[in-house]
Amino acid sequence: MSVDLRAVDPRVTRFYELLDAKDVNGWGQLWHPDGEIIVPYPPDGFPPLISGQATIVEGFHGLIGVYTTFTSELTAVFPGADPAVTTVEYRVRAELARGGEYTNDNVAIFEFEDDLVRRYHDYFDPRRFQVVVEALNATE
């Protein structure tokens, strides 16, 4: 089941469109200079916090590079009482460059400041994401 994209904050829609296109430079422009990615349950070898737009973009150039394809499907949206906060559920399906597939079901909380992503909390199954971390470490 996918979500009617007309019900989704356009900032969130654009975030996933650019990730799906693997356009890390365009995606990076959506981030606040002091942006943060918060991963409450990181897999081994992955940080629980990534701080700063430049660091986020640099890291995602490497991360998105482990995929030959990357697709996210929004499955639910929960706008916050505060227009600066939106929560979504989304499903990821990706093919790894070194072979194999990565899938996961995530919940993300977006906090915007000045129309840019200030904080992005990403909840996912770290056991399933471990294959991505291993692929990333193999390329370093």
N, C-alpha and C. Protein backbone atom coordinates (compact mmCIF):
# COMPACT_ATOMS: atom_id res chain seq x y z
N MET A 1 0.85 -1.17 0.00
CA MET A 1 0.00 0.00 0.00
C MET A 1 0.89 1.23 0.00
N SER A 2 0.68 2.12 -0.93
CA SER A 2 1.45 3.35 -0.92
C SER A 2 0.53 4.52 -0.56
N VAL A 3 1.15 5.63 -0.28
CA VAL A 3 0.46 6.80 0.22
C VAL A 3 0.11 7.73 -0.94
N ASP A 4 -1.02 8.41 -0.82
CA ASP A 4 -1.37 9.47 -1.76
C ASP A 4 -0.36 10.60 -1.53
N LEU A 5 0.52 10.81 -2.48
CA LEU A 5 1.61 11.78 -2.29
C LEU A 5 1.11 13.20 -2.13
N ARG A 6 -0.13 13.46 -2.50
CA ARG A 6 -0.68 14.80 -2.29
C ARG A 6 -0.84 15.10 -0.80
N ALA A 7 -0.88 14.04 0.04
CA ALA A 7 -1.05 14.21 1.48
C ALA A 7 0.29 14.37 2.21
N VAL A 8 1.38 14.25 1.48
CA VAL A 8 2.71 14.26 2.08
C VAL A 8 3.34 15.64 1.93
N ASP A 9 4.00 16.08 2.97
CA ASP A 9 4.75 17.34 2.93
C ASP A 9 5.68 17.29 1.71
N PRO A 10 5.63 18.28 0.83
CA PRO A 10 6.47 18.25 -0.38
C PRO A 10 7.97 18.18 -0.07
N ARG A 11 8.38 18.66 1.08
CA ARG A 11 9.79 18.56 1.45
C ARG A 11 10.18 17.10 1.65
N VAL A 12 9.27 16.33 2.20
CA VAL A 12 9.52 14.90 2.42
C VAL A 12 9.50 14.15 1.09
N THR A 13 8.53 14.47 0.26
CA THR A 13 8.44 13.84 -1.06
C THR A 13 9.73 14.06 -1.83
N ARG A 14 10.22 15.30 -1.84
CA ARG A 14 11.45 15.62 -2.58
C ARG A 14 12.65 14.87 -2.01
N PHE A 15 12.71 14.74 -0.69
CA PHE A 15 13.78 14.02 0.00
C PHE A 15 13.91 12.60 -0.59
N TYR A 16 12.79 11.89 -0.69
CA TYR A 16 12.84 10.51 -1.18
C TYR A 16 12.99 10.44 -2.70
N GLU A 17 12.44 11.40 -3.42
CA GLU A 17 12.64 11.41 -4.87
C GLU A 17 14.12 11.51 -5.21
N LEU A 18 14.82 12.40 -4.52
CA LEU A 18 16.25 12.58 -4.80
C LEU A 18 17.07 11.37 -4.36
N LEU A 19 16.70 10.74 -3.24
CA LEU A 19 17.39 9.51 -2.83
C LEU A 19 17.17 8.41 -3.86
N ASP A 20 15.93 8.24 -4.30
CA ASP A 20 15.64 7.21 -5.29
C ASP A 20 16.43 7.43 -6.58
N ALA A 21 16.63 8.70 -6.93
CA ALA A 21 17.41 9.04 -8.13
C ALA A 21 18.91 8.95 -7.88
N LYS A 22 19.28 8.68 -6.61
CA LYS A 22 20.68 8.63 -6.19
C LYS A 22 21.39 9.97 -6.45
N ASP A 23 20.63 11.05 -6.36
CA ASP A 23 21.15 12.41 -6.56
C ASP A 23 21.54 12.98 -5.20
N VAL A 24 22.70 12.56 -4.72
CA VAL A 24 23.14 12.96 -3.39
C VAL A 24 23.42 14.45 -3.32
N ASN A 25 23.93 15.04 -4.39
CA ASN A 25 24.20 16.49 -4.36
C ASN A 25 22.90 17.29 -4.23
N GLY A 26 21.89 16.93 -5.01
CA GLY A 26 20.59 17.61 -4.90
C GLY A 26 19.96 17.35 -3.55
N TRP A 27 20.03 16.12 -3.09
CA TRP A 27 19.49 15.74 -1.79
C TRP A 27 20.19 16.50 -0.67
N GLY A 28 21.48 16.69 -0.82
CA GLY A 28 22.26 17.41 0.19
C GLY A 28 21.81 18.85 0.37
N GLN A 29 21.24 19.44 -0.68
CA GLN A 29 20.76 20.82 -0.59
C GLN A 29 19.50 20.94 0.27
N LEU A 30 18.88 19.82 0.60
CA LEU A 30 17.70 19.84 1.45
C LEU A 30 18.04 19.92 2.93
N TRP A 31 19.32 19.80 3.25
CA TRP A 31 19.77 19.73 4.64
C TRP A 31 20.18 21.09 5.19
N HIS A 32 19.81 21.32 6.42
CA HIS A 32 20.26 22.49 7.18
C HIS A 32 21.77 22.33 7.43
N PRO A 33 22.54 23.42 7.44
CA PRO A 33 23.99 23.29 7.70
C PRO A 33 24.30 22.53 8.99
N ASP A 34 23.43 22.64 10.00
CA ASP A 34 23.62 21.93 11.26
C ASP A 34 22.74 20.69 11.36
N GLY A 35 22.36 20.15 10.22
CA GLY A 35 21.49 18.99 10.19
C GLY A 35 22.08 17.79 10.91
N GLU A 36 21.18 16.91 11.37
CA GLU A 36 21.60 15.70 12.07
C GLU A 36 20.76 14.51 11.62
N ILE A 37 21.43 13.39 11.44
CA ILE A 37 20.75 12.11 11.27
C ILE A 37 20.94 11.36 12.57
N ILE A 38 19.83 10.97 13.17
CA ILE A 38 19.85 10.25 14.43
C ILE A 38 19.37 8.83 14.16
N VAL A 39 20.21 7.86 14.51
CA VAL A 39 19.90 6.44 14.32
C VAL A 39 19.87 5.80 15.70
N PRO A 40 18.69 5.71 16.32
CA PRO A 40 18.61 5.20 17.69
C PRO A 40 19.10 3.77 17.87
N TYR A 41 18.97 2.95 16.83
CA TYR A 41 19.38 1.55 16.93
C TYR A 41 20.33 1.22 15.77
N PRO A 42 21.56 1.73 15.81
CA PRO A 42 22.47 1.51 14.69
C PRO A 42 23.03 0.08 14.69
N PRO A 43 23.30 -0.45 13.51
CA PRO A 43 23.98 -1.74 13.44
C PRO A 43 25.46 -1.55 13.80
N ASP A 44 26.14 -2.65 14.02
CA ASP A 44 27.58 -2.59 14.31
C ASP A 44 28.29 -1.88 13.17
N GLY A 45 29.16 -0.92 13.54
CA GLY A 45 29.95 -0.22 12.56
C GLY A 45 29.27 0.98 11.94
N PHE A 46 28.09 1.36 12.44
CA PHE A 46 27.38 2.53 11.90
C PHE A 46 27.13 3.50 13.04
N PRO A 47 27.34 4.79 12.82
CA PRO A 47 27.22 5.75 13.93
C PRO A 47 25.77 6.01 14.32
N PRO A 48 25.53 6.30 15.60
CA PRO A 48 24.19 6.65 16.05
C PRO A 48 23.80 8.09 15.73
N LEU A 49 24.80 8.91 15.37
CA LEU A 49 24.57 10.32 15.07
C LEU A 49 25.53 10.76 13.97
N ILE A 50 24.97 11.41 12.97
CA ILE A 50 25.78 12.01 11.91
C ILE A 50 25.42 13.49 11.92
N SER A 51 26.40 14.34 12.15
CA SER A 51 26.14 15.78 12.33
C SER A 51 26.76 16.62 11.24
N GLY A 52 26.00 17.60 10.77
CA GLY A 52 26.48 18.58 9.80
C GLY A 52 26.17 18.18 8.38
N GLN A 53 25.67 19.14 7.62
CA GLN A 53 25.31 18.91 6.22
C GLN A 53 26.46 18.32 5.42
N ALA A 54 27.64 18.88 5.55
CA ALA A 54 28.79 18.39 4.76
C ALA A 54 29.11 16.94 5.10
N THR A 55 29.08 16.59 6.37
CA THR A 55 29.38 15.22 6.79
C THR A 55 28.30 14.26 6.31
N ILE A 56 27.05 14.68 6.38
CA ILE A 56 25.94 13.85 5.91
C ILE A 56 26.08 13.58 4.41
N VAL A 57 26.32 14.63 3.65
CA VAL A 57 26.44 14.48 2.19
C VAL A 57 27.64 13.61 1.83
N GLU A 58 28.76 13.83 2.48
CA GLU A 58 29.94 13.01 2.21
C GLU A 58 29.66 11.54 2.50
N GLY A 59 29.03 11.28 3.64
CA GLY A 59 28.71 9.90 4.00
C GLY A 59 27.73 9.25 3.05
N PHE A 60 26.75 10.01 2.58
CA PHE A 60 25.75 9.44 1.68
C PHE A 60 26.30 9.21 0.28
N HIS A 61 27.33 9.95 -0.12
CA HIS A 61 27.97 9.63 -1.40
C HIS A 61 28.51 8.21 -1.34
N GLY A 62 29.15 7.85 -0.24
CA GLY A 62 29.64 6.49 -0.08
C GLY A 62 28.51 5.49 0.09
N LEU A 63 27.54 5.83 0.90
CA LEU A 63 26.44 4.91 1.19
C LEU A 63 25.62 4.61 -0.05
N ILE A 64 25.22 5.62 -0.78
CA ILE A 64 24.39 5.39 -1.96
C ILE A 64 25.18 4.65 -3.04
N GLY A 65 26.51 4.76 -2.97
CA GLY A 65 27.37 4.08 -3.93
C GLY A 65 27.38 2.56 -3.79
N VAL A 66 26.93 2.02 -2.66
CA VAL A 66 26.90 0.56 -2.51
C VAL A 66 25.69 -0.05 -3.18
N TYR A 67 24.76 0.80 -3.65
CA TYR A 67 23.54 0.32 -4.30
C TYR A 67 23.62 0.50 -5.81
N THR A 68 23.11 -0.48 -6.55
CA THR A 68 22.92 -0.25 -7.98
C THR A 68 21.53 0.36 -8.22
N THR A 69 20.57 -0.03 -7.39
CA THR A 69 19.25 0.58 -7.42
C THR A 69 18.83 0.87 -5.98
N PHE A 70 18.01 1.89 -5.82
CA PHE A 70 17.50 2.24 -4.50
C PHE A 70 16.10 2.80 -4.70
N THR A 71 15.12 2.20 -4.04
CA THR A 71 13.74 2.66 -4.14
C THR A 71 13.13 2.73 -2.76
N SER A 72 12.50 3.84 -2.47
CA SER A 72 11.76 3.98 -1.22
C SER A 72 10.29 4.19 -1.57
N GLU A 73 9.43 3.56 -0.78
CA GLU A 73 8.00 3.69 -0.98
C GLU A 73 7.39 4.18 0.33
N LEU A 74 6.79 5.35 0.30
CA LEU A 74 6.10 5.85 1.48
C LEU A 74 4.84 5.02 1.69
N THR A 75 4.69 4.49 2.90
CA THR A 75 3.54 3.64 3.19
C THR A 75 2.57 4.27 4.18
N ALA A 76 3.01 5.30 4.90
CA ALA A 76 2.12 6.03 5.81
C ALA A 76 2.75 7.38 6.12
N VAL A 77 1.90 8.35 6.39
CA VAL A 77 2.39 9.68 6.76
C VAL A 77 1.58 10.17 7.95
N PHE A 78 2.28 10.78 8.90
CA PHE A 78 1.67 11.28 10.11
C PHE A 78 2.13 12.72 10.33
N PRO A 79 1.43 13.69 9.74
CA PRO A 79 1.83 15.09 9.95
C PRO A 79 1.74 15.43 11.43
N GLY A 80 2.68 16.21 11.91
CA GLY A 80 2.67 16.62 13.31
C GLY A 80 1.78 17.82 13.54
N ALA A 81 1.46 18.06 14.80
CA ALA A 81 0.72 19.27 15.16
C ALA A 81 1.55 20.50 14.82
N ASP A 82 2.85 20.34 14.89
CA ASP A 82 3.80 21.38 14.52
C ASP A 82 4.12 21.19 13.04
N PRO A 83 3.90 22.18 12.18
CA PRO A 83 4.17 21.99 10.75
C PRO A 83 5.65 21.73 10.44
N ALA A 84 6.50 21.92 11.41
CA ALA A 84 7.93 21.65 11.21
C ALA A 84 8.28 20.19 11.45
N VAL A 85 7.29 19.35 11.80
CA VAL A 85 7.55 17.94 12.11
C VAL A 85 6.60 17.06 11.30
N THR A 86 7.18 16.06 10.64
CA THR A 86 6.40 15.06 9.90
C THR A 86 7.02 13.69 10.18
N THR A 87 6.16 12.71 10.39
CA THR A 87 6.61 11.33 10.58
C THR A 87 6.07 10.50 9.43
N VAL A 88 6.92 9.64 8.88
CA VAL A 88 6.51 8.77 7.79
C VAL A 88 6.96 7.34 8.06
N GLU A 89 6.24 6.42 7.48
CA GLU A 89 6.69 5.04 7.38
C GLU A 89 7.08 4.85 5.92
N TYR A 90 8.18 4.14 5.70
CA TYR A 90 8.56 3.87 4.32
C TYR A 90 9.27 2.53 4.22
N ARG A 91 9.19 1.98 3.03
CA ARG A 91 9.80 0.69 2.73
C ARG A 91 10.95 0.93 1.75
N VAL A 92 12.07 0.28 2.02
CA VAL A 92 13.25 0.40 1.15
C VAL A 92 13.47 -0.93 0.45
N ARG A 93 13.78 -0.83 -0.83
CA ARG A 93 14.21 -1.99 -1.61
C ARG A 93 15.39 -1.52 -2.45
N ALA A 94 16.49 -2.24 -2.34
CA ALA A 94 17.69 -1.84 -3.07
C ALA A 94 18.48 -3.08 -3.49
N GLU A 95 19.16 -2.94 -4.60
CA GLU A 95 20.09 -3.97 -5.06
C GLU A 95 21.49 -3.50 -4.69
N LEU A 96 22.25 -4.38 -4.09
CA LEU A 96 23.62 -4.04 -3.69
C LEU A 96 24.56 -4.27 -4.86
N ALA A 97 25.52 -3.37 -5.03
CA ALA A 97 26.47 -3.47 -6.13
C ALA A 97 27.28 -4.76 -6.06
N ARG A 98 27.54 -5.23 -4.85
CA ARG A 98 28.33 -6.46 -4.72
C ARG A 98 27.45 -7.71 -4.78
N GLY A 99 26.17 -7.52 -5.06
CA GLY A 99 25.23 -8.63 -5.16
C GLY A 99 24.34 -8.71 -3.94
N GLY A 100 23.14 -9.15 -4.18
CA GLY A 100 22.18 -9.29 -3.10
C GLY A 100 21.23 -8.12 -3.04
N GLU A 101 20.26 -8.26 -2.16
CA GLU A 101 19.22 -7.25 -2.03
C GLU A 101 19.16 -6.78 -0.58
N TYR A 102 18.78 -5.52 -0.44
CA TYR A 102 18.53 -4.97 0.89
C TYR A 102 17.10 -4.47 0.92
N THR A 103 16.35 -4.91 1.93
CA THR A 103 15.00 -4.41 2.15
C THR A 103 14.84 -4.08 3.63
N ASN A 104 14.00 -3.12 3.92
CA ASN A 104 13.72 -2.77 5.30
C ASN A 104 12.44 -1.95 5.34
N ASP A 105 11.83 -1.92 6.51
CA ASP A 105 10.67 -1.08 6.76
C ASP A 105 11.09 -0.08 7.83
N ASN A 106 10.97 1.20 7.51
CA ASN A 106 11.50 2.26 8.38
C ASN A 106 10.39 3.20 8.85
N VAL A 107 10.69 3.87 9.94
CA VAL A 107 9.90 5.00 10.41
C VAL A 107 10.88 6.16 10.53
N ALA A 108 10.53 7.29 9.94
CA ALA A 108 11.41 8.47 9.98
C ALA A 108 10.63 9.67 10.51
N ILE A 109 11.30 10.42 11.35
CA ILE A 109 10.74 11.66 11.87
C ILE A 109 11.59 12.80 11.31
N PHE A 110 10.95 13.68 10.57
CA PHE A 110 11.61 14.86 10.00
C PHE A 110 11.32 16.05 10.88
N GLU A 111 12.35 16.80 11.21
CA GLU A 111 12.20 18.09 11.87
C GLU A 111 12.84 19.12 10.95
N PHE A 112 12.04 20.11 10.53
CA PHE A 112 12.52 21.13 9.60
C PHE A 112 12.80 22.44 10.33
N GLU A 113 13.79 23.14 9.83
CA GLU A 113 14.11 24.50 10.28
C GLU A 113 14.46 25.29 9.03
N ASP A 114 13.81 26.40 8.84
CA ASP A 114 14.02 27.22 7.64
C ASP A 114 13.80 26.40 6.36
N ASP A 115 12.81 25.52 6.38
CA ASP A 115 12.45 24.64 5.26
C ASP A 115 13.53 23.62 4.91
N LEU A 116 14.52 23.44 5.76
CA LEU A 116 15.57 22.46 5.54
C LEU A 116 15.50 21.39 6.63
N VAL A 117 15.98 20.18 6.31
CA VAL A 117 15.98 19.10 7.29
C VAL A 117 17.00 19.42 8.37
N ARG A 118 16.50 19.61 9.57
CA ARG A 118 17.37 19.92 10.72
C ARG A 118 17.72 18.64 11.47
N ARG A 119 16.70 17.79 11.68
CA ARG A 119 16.92 16.50 12.33
C ARG A 119 16.11 15.45 11.58
N TYR A 120 16.72 14.30 11.43
CA TYR A 120 16.08 13.17 10.75
C TYR A 120 16.34 11.95 11.62
N HIS A 121 15.31 11.49 12.30
CA HIS A 121 15.40 10.29 13.13
C HIS A 121 14.99 9.12 12.24
N ASP A 122 15.83 8.10 12.14
CA ASP A 122 15.52 6.97 11.28
C ASP A 122 15.52 5.68 12.10
N TYR A 123 14.35 5.06 12.19
CA TYR A 123 14.18 3.81 12.92
C TYR A 123 14.03 2.68 11.92
N PHE A 124 14.87 1.66 12.02
CA PHE A 124 14.83 0.53 11.11
C PHE A 124 15.43 -0.68 11.81
N ASP A 125 15.28 -1.83 11.19
CA ASP A 125 15.84 -3.06 11.75
C ASP A 125 17.35 -3.08 11.46
N PRO A 126 18.18 -2.89 12.49
CA PRO A 126 19.62 -2.82 12.26
C PRO A 126 20.21 -4.14 11.76
N ARG A 127 19.57 -5.26 12.07
CA ARG A 127 20.08 -6.55 11.60
C ARG A 127 20.00 -6.62 10.08
N ARG A 128 18.94 -6.08 9.51
CA ARG A 128 18.79 -6.10 8.06
C ARG A 128 19.72 -5.10 7.39
N PHE A 129 19.96 -3.95 8.05
CA PHE A 129 20.84 -2.92 7.49
C PHE A 129 22.31 -3.33 7.56
N GLN A 130 22.63 -4.34 8.37
CA GLN A 130 24.01 -4.76 8.53
C GLN A 130 24.67 -5.12 7.20
N VAL A 131 23.91 -5.69 6.24
CA VAL A 131 24.48 -6.04 4.94
C VAL A 131 24.96 -4.79 4.20
N VAL A 132 24.28 -3.67 4.41
CA VAL A 132 24.68 -2.41 3.78
C VAL A 132 25.97 -1.91 4.43
N VAL A 133 26.04 -1.97 5.75
CA VAL A 133 27.25 -1.54 6.46
C VAL A 133 28.44 -2.38 6.02
N GLU A 134 28.25 -3.68 5.88
CA GLU A 134 29.33 -4.56 5.42
C GLU A 134 29.76 -4.20 4.00
N ALA A 135 28.80 -3.91 3.13
CA ALA A 135 29.12 -3.50 1.76
C ALA A 135 29.87 -2.18 1.76
N LEU A 136 29.46 -1.27 2.62
CA LEU A 136 30.12 0.04 2.73
C LEU A 136 31.55 -0.14 3.21
N ASN A 137 31.75 -0.95 4.23
CA ASN A 137 33.09 -1.19 4.76
C ASN A 137 34.00 -1.89 3.75
N ALA A 138 33.42 -2.71 2.88
CA ALA A 138 34.20 -3.41 1.87
C ALA A 138 34.74 -2.47 0.80
N THR A 139 34.07 -1.30 0.62
CA THR A 139 34.50 -0.35 -0.40
C THR A 139 35.50 0.66 0.12
N GLU A 140 35.65 0.72 1.44
CA GLU A 140 36.57 1.73 2.03
C GLU A 140 38.00 1.27 2.00
